[in-house]
């Protein structure tokens, strides 16, 4: 269907700061991206380039084709934007919000959070200069996945909104302000995916409390894995840790997702 050359390179970017080891969910998400997208390269931008631990060793030995696509890029978290220091409490979160924009402005490609599960191939979106998830009637965009050409017009406008930096709010600059300041006036700058990027938190109810076969209709799903302990306390108490053993007995939606990504050839 898409025979013309894509605008966006088939590169997936991750940021990993202060994380020298990988956990099971990290590997599941990277495997999902590899299986669905078959990226030419996976760039891991990190300040801890000497990765170690069980799952990193496993990645190298068990999935050599995936490992060979990985390029590790030294990346030190910025401490300020436009002369304004990041807050101590939100430093790495706000720094990551900035750095993902800068990474795309340098390389182009697909930026994904470490807990973003890629369900289906994203090539159709590589023919737009900029694609992101923005739910209907939501005041903020989803920052978990961006697909962009390095010269996408939205990106420099986006980073420019940080001239008015709010250090007290987690999501205001990254999600709310670009909508109010840019996209409500110039929606043509992006290709908007309203639902099927799975960037809303409500979707997690379907992942961790029941079996929900519709997950396969999505392109990506943000797992919100760090929030599971307080969002779904009862279910978390039963399965506080996901690994290749516990996931065999996890009968909710994420169990199927993880098993497909981890155990598939």
Protein backbone atom coordinates (compact mmCIF):
# COMPACT_ATOMS: atom_id res chain seq x y z
CA UNK A 1 0.00 0.00 0.00
CA UNK A 2 2.80 2.43 0.93
CA UNK A 3 5.19 2.18 -2.00
CA UNK A 4 6.74 5.63 -1.71
CA UNK A 5 9.78 6.20 0.47
CA UNK A 6 8.84 6.82 4.08
CA UNK A 7 9.63 10.23 5.55
CA UNK A 8 10.57 8.83 8.94
CA UNK A 9 13.54 6.47 9.34
CA UNK A 10 12.82 3.05 10.78
CA UNK A 11 14.77 3.69 13.97
CA UNK A 12 13.36 3.19 17.46
CA UNK A 13 14.75 5.35 20.26
CA UNK A 14 14.73 4.64 23.98
CA UNK A 15 16.11 6.74 26.83
CA UNK A 16 17.60 4.85 29.78
CA UNK A 17 19.15 7.05 32.45
CA UNK A 18 20.55 5.58 35.66
CA UNK A 19 19.31 2.15 34.58
CA UNK A 20 22.26 -0.18 33.95
CA UNK A 21 20.06 -3.28 34.18
CA UNK A 22 16.89 -4.32 32.38
CA UNK A 23 13.84 -5.91 33.94
CA UNK A 24 11.41 -8.36 32.40
CA UNK A 25 8.95 -5.69 31.24
CA UNK A 26 11.76 -3.69 29.61
CA UNK A 27 12.69 -6.73 27.55
CA UNK A 28 9.07 -7.57 26.74
CA UNK A 29 8.52 -4.07 25.36
CA UNK A 30 11.72 -4.06 23.32
CA UNK A 31 10.88 -7.49 21.97
CA UNK A 32 7.38 -6.30 21.05
CA UNK A 33 8.88 -3.40 19.09
CA UNK A 34 11.32 -5.70 17.34
CA UNK A 35 8.67 -8.25 16.38
CA UNK A 36 6.06 -5.75 15.20
CA UNK A 37 8.28 -3.13 13.58
CA UNK A 38 11.52 -4.87 12.59
CA UNK A 39 13.42 -1.59 12.99
CA UNK A 40 16.62 -1.02 11.09
CA UNK A 41 18.20 0.17 14.33
CA UNK A 42 17.33 0.55 17.99
CA UNK A 43 19.14 3.50 19.59
CA UNK A 44 19.44 3.37 23.37
CA UNK A 45 20.38 6.80 24.71
CA UNK A 46 21.93 6.31 28.13
CA UNK A 47 24.34 7.60 30.76
CA UNK A 48 25.08 3.99 31.84
CA UNK A 49 26.36 2.43 28.60
CA UNK A 50 27.84 -0.68 30.21
CA UNK A 51 24.60 -2.59 30.56
CA UNK A 52 24.65 -5.71 32.70
CA UNK A 53 22.40 -8.20 34.39
CA UNK A 54 20.38 -11.28 33.58
CA UNK A 55 18.08 -9.84 30.93
CA UNK A 56 20.81 -7.96 29.06
CA UNK A 57 22.88 -11.13 28.86
CA UNK A 58 19.79 -13.02 27.78
CA UNK A 59 19.03 -10.47 25.08
CA UNK A 60 22.51 -10.90 23.59
CA UNK A 61 22.43 -14.69 23.66
CA UNK A 62 18.80 -15.52 22.98
CA UNK A 63 17.92 -12.87 20.39
CA UNK A 64 21.10 -12.07 18.41
CA UNK A 65 19.23 -10.43 15.53
CA UNK A 66 17.61 -7.99 17.95
CA UNK A 67 20.89 -7.37 19.73
CA UNK A 68 22.72 -6.61 16.48
CA UNK A 69 20.27 -3.80 15.74
CA UNK A 70 21.01 -2.03 19.02
CA UNK A 71 23.29 1.00 19.08
CA UNK A 72 24.19 2.47 22.46
CA UNK A 73 24.56 6.26 22.45
CA UNK A 74 26.04 8.08 25.43
CA UNK A 75 23.54 10.65 26.62
CA UNK A 76 23.84 12.71 29.80
CA UNK A 77 20.58 14.08 31.27
CA UNK A 78 20.33 17.85 30.75
CA UNK A 79 19.91 19.95 33.87
CA UNK A 80 18.15 22.96 32.36
CA UNK A 81 16.13 24.29 29.45
CA UNK A 82 16.35 27.83 28.10
CA UNK A 83 18.41 28.84 31.15
CA UNK A 84 15.89 27.41 33.62
CA UNK A 85 16.99 24.59 35.92
CA UNK A 86 14.83 21.51 36.14
CA UNK A 87 13.20 20.87 39.50
CA UNK A 88 14.98 18.33 41.69
CA UNK A 89 11.85 16.23 42.12
CA UNK A 90 10.98 16.01 38.44
CA UNK A 91 14.49 16.30 37.00
CA UNK A 92 14.81 13.07 35.03
CA UNK A 93 11.18 13.15 33.91
CA UNK A 94 11.36 16.70 32.60
CA UNK A 95 14.83 16.13 31.16
CA UNK A 96 13.52 13.09 29.30
CA UNK A 97 10.61 15.12 27.93
CA UNK A 98 13.13 17.56 26.45
CA UNK A 99 15.64 15.01 25.29
CA UNK A 100 13.15 12.95 23.31
CA UNK A 101 12.33 16.06 21.27
CA UNK A 102 16.02 16.78 20.69
CA UNK A 103 16.71 13.17 19.72
CA UNK A 104 14.01 13.27 17.09
CA UNK A 105 15.26 16.63 15.81
CA UNK A 106 18.69 15.06 15.33
CA UNK A 107 17.82 11.62 13.96
CA UNK A 108 14.11 11.34 13.28
CA UNK A 109 12.46 8.01 13.97
CA UNK A 110 10.14 6.49 16.54
CA UNK A 111 10.56 7.45 20.17
CA UNK A 112 9.08 4.99 22.66
CA UNK A 113 8.87 4.90 26.43
CA UNK A 114 10.51 1.87 27.99
CA UNK A 115 7.08 0.51 28.96
CA UNK A 116 5.43 1.06 25.60
CA UNK A 117 4.27 -2.20 24.03
CA UNK A 118 4.18 -2.16 20.22
CA UNK A 119 1.28 -4.28 19.03
CA UNK A 120 1.25 -3.69 15.27
CA UNK A 121 3.56 -2.39 12.60
CA UNK A 122 3.86 1.41 12.51
CA UNK A 123 5.05 1.90 8.94
CA UNK A 124 1.84 3.62 7.82
CA UNK A 125 2.66 6.46 10.21
CA UNK A 126 6.18 6.87 8.87
CA UNK A 127 4.66 8.62 5.84
CA UNK A 128 3.58 11.62 7.96
CA UNK A 129 6.10 14.18 9.15
CA UNK A 130 4.85 13.87 12.76
CA UNK A 131 2.45 11.45 14.42
CA UNK A 132 1.40 11.31 18.05
CA UNK A 133 -1.36 10.05 20.29
CA UNK A 134 -3.90 12.65 21.34
CA UNK A 135 -7.18 11.35 22.71
CA UNK A 136 -10.47 13.02 21.73
CA UNK A 137 -11.35 15.87 24.13
CA UNK A 138 -8.14 15.34 26.10
CA UNK A 139 -6.29 18.56 27.02
CA UNK A 140 -2.93 16.81 26.77
CA UNK A 141 -1.09 14.73 24.22
CA UNK A 142 0.54 11.37 24.90
CA UNK A 143 4.30 11.59 25.30
CA UNK A 144 4.89 7.82 25.26
CA UNK A 145 5.30 7.54 21.50
CA UNK A 146 6.34 10.07 18.87
CA UNK A 147 6.93 9.26 15.22
CA UNK A 148 8.71 12.11 13.48
CA UNK A 149 10.90 13.30 10.63
CA UNK A 150 13.83 15.22 12.04
CA UNK A 151 12.59 18.40 10.36
CA UNK A 152 8.98 18.01 11.49
CA UNK A 153 7.62 21.52 11.94
CA UNK A 154 6.03 20.71 15.29
CA UNK A 155 9.28 19.78 17.06
CA UNK A 156 11.01 23.21 17.27
CA UNK A 157 7.70 24.82 18.21
CA UNK A 158 7.27 22.19 20.90
CA UNK A 159 10.66 22.78 22.48
CA UNK A 160 10.10 26.53 22.27
CA UNK A 161 7.09 26.25 24.61
CA UNK A 162 9.57 25.37 27.36
CA UNK A 163 10.63 29.01 27.50
CA UNK A 164 7.76 29.12 29.98
CA UNK A 165 8.82 26.19 32.14
CA UNK A 166 6.65 25.07 35.07
CA UNK A 167 8.89 23.11 37.41
CA UNK A 168 6.07 22.20 39.80
CA UNK A 169 3.95 20.16 37.41
CA UNK A 170 4.88 16.76 35.99
CA UNK A 171 2.92 16.88 32.74
CA UNK A 172 2.09 20.51 32.06
CA UNK A 173 4.96 21.37 29.71
CA UNK A 174 5.16 18.01 28.00
CA UNK A 175 1.46 17.33 27.48
CA UNK A 176 -0.83 20.28 28.18
CA UNK A 177 1.03 23.36 26.93
CA UNK A 178 1.85 22.09 23.41
CA UNK A 179 -1.84 21.39 22.85
CA UNK A 180 -3.05 24.77 24.08
CA UNK A 181 -0.24 26.81 22.53
CA UNK A 182 0.28 24.98 19.24
CA UNK A 183 -2.05 22.19 18.23
CA UNK A 184 -5.40 23.83 18.92
CA UNK A 185 -4.34 26.58 16.51
CA UNK A 186 -2.38 24.44 14.04
CA UNK A 187 -3.65 20.85 14.10
CA UNK A 188 -2.28 20.26 10.59
CA UNK A 189 1.25 20.04 12.02
CA UNK A 190 0.66 16.48 13.19
CA UNK A 191 -1.14 13.32 12.25
CA UNK A 192 -3.36 12.64 15.22
CA UNK A 193 -4.10 9.13 16.49
CA UNK A 194 -7.01 9.47 18.88
CA UNK A 195 -7.28 6.02 20.41
CA UNK A 196 -5.17 3.28 18.88
CA UNK A 197 -1.83 4.39 20.35
CA UNK A 198 -3.17 3.42 23.77
CA UNK A 199 -1.75 6.45 25.58
CA UNK A 200 -4.56 6.94 28.09
CA UNK A 201 -4.36 5.55 31.62
CA UNK A 202 -7.89 4.11 31.48
CA UNK A 203 -6.73 1.36 29.16
CA UNK A 204 -4.65 -0.18 31.93
CA UNK A 205 -7.81 -1.43 33.65
CA UNK A 206 -8.17 -3.78 30.70
CA UNK A 207 -4.58 -4.98 31.04
CA UNK A 208 -4.41 -5.82 34.73
CA UNK A 209 -7.92 -6.75 35.88
CA UNK A 210 -9.42 -8.89 33.11
CA UNK A 211 -8.81 -10.56 29.77
CA UNK A 212 -9.49 -8.10 26.95
CA UNK A 213 -9.02 -9.46 23.42
CA UNK A 214 -9.40 -6.03 21.79
CA UNK A 215 -5.82 -5.16 22.71
CA UNK A 216 -4.75 -6.66 19.39
CA UNK A 217 -6.61 -3.88 17.53
CA UNK A 218 -4.23 -1.23 18.91
CA UNK A 219 -0.94 -0.12 17.41
CA UNK A 220 0.76 0.53 20.72
CA UNK A 221 -0.25 0.38 24.38
CA UNK A 222 1.38 2.26 27.23
CA UNK A 223 1.63 -0.17 30.14
CA UNK A 224 1.93 2.43 32.95
CA UNK A 225 3.91 -0.27 34.71
CA UNK A 226 5.21 2.02 37.48
CA UNK A 227 1.67 2.86 38.55
CA UNK A 228 0.28 -0.63 38.83
CA UNK A 229 0.98 -0.93 42.56
CA UNK A 230 -1.48 1.81 43.54
CA UNK A 231 -3.90 1.71 40.62
CA UNK A 232 -4.70 -1.99 40.99
CA UNK A 233 -3.70 -2.87 44.54
CA UNK A 234 -5.55 -6.17 44.79
CA UNK A 235 -4.13 -7.57 41.56
CA UNK A 236 -0.67 -6.16 42.32
CA UNK A 237 -0.60 -7.92 45.68
CA UNK A 238 -1.11 -11.25 43.92
CA UNK A 239 1.51 -10.55 41.22
CA UNK A 240 3.95 -7.92 42.54
CA UNK A 241 6.70 -9.03 40.16
CA UNK A 242 6.51 -9.99 36.51
CA UNK A 243 9.12 -12.35 35.16
CA UNK A 244 9.32 -15.26 32.74
CA UNK A 245 7.96 -17.61 35.42
CA UNK A 246 5.18 -15.60 37.04
CA UNK A 247 3.86 -14.45 33.67
CA UNK A 248 2.96 -18.05 32.80
CA UNK A 249 0.24 -17.91 35.46
CA UNK A 250 -0.99 -14.36 34.82
CA UNK A 251 -4.36 -14.75 33.09
CA UNK A 252 -5.17 -11.10 32.48
CA UNK A 253 -4.47 -9.29 29.21
CA UNK A 254 -0.90 -8.32 29.93
CA UNK A 255 -0.06 -11.96 30.51
CA UNK A 256 -0.92 -12.82 26.93
CA UNK A 257 0.90 -9.75 25.63
CA UNK A 258 4.07 -10.53 27.54
CA UNK A 259 4.09 -14.21 26.62
CA UNK A 260 3.72 -13.42 22.93
CA UNK A 261 6.62 -10.97 22.98
CA UNK A 262 8.94 -12.95 25.23
CA UNK A 263 8.43 -16.50 24.05
CA UNK A 264 7.91 -15.93 20.31
CA UNK A 265 10.77 -16.94 18.04
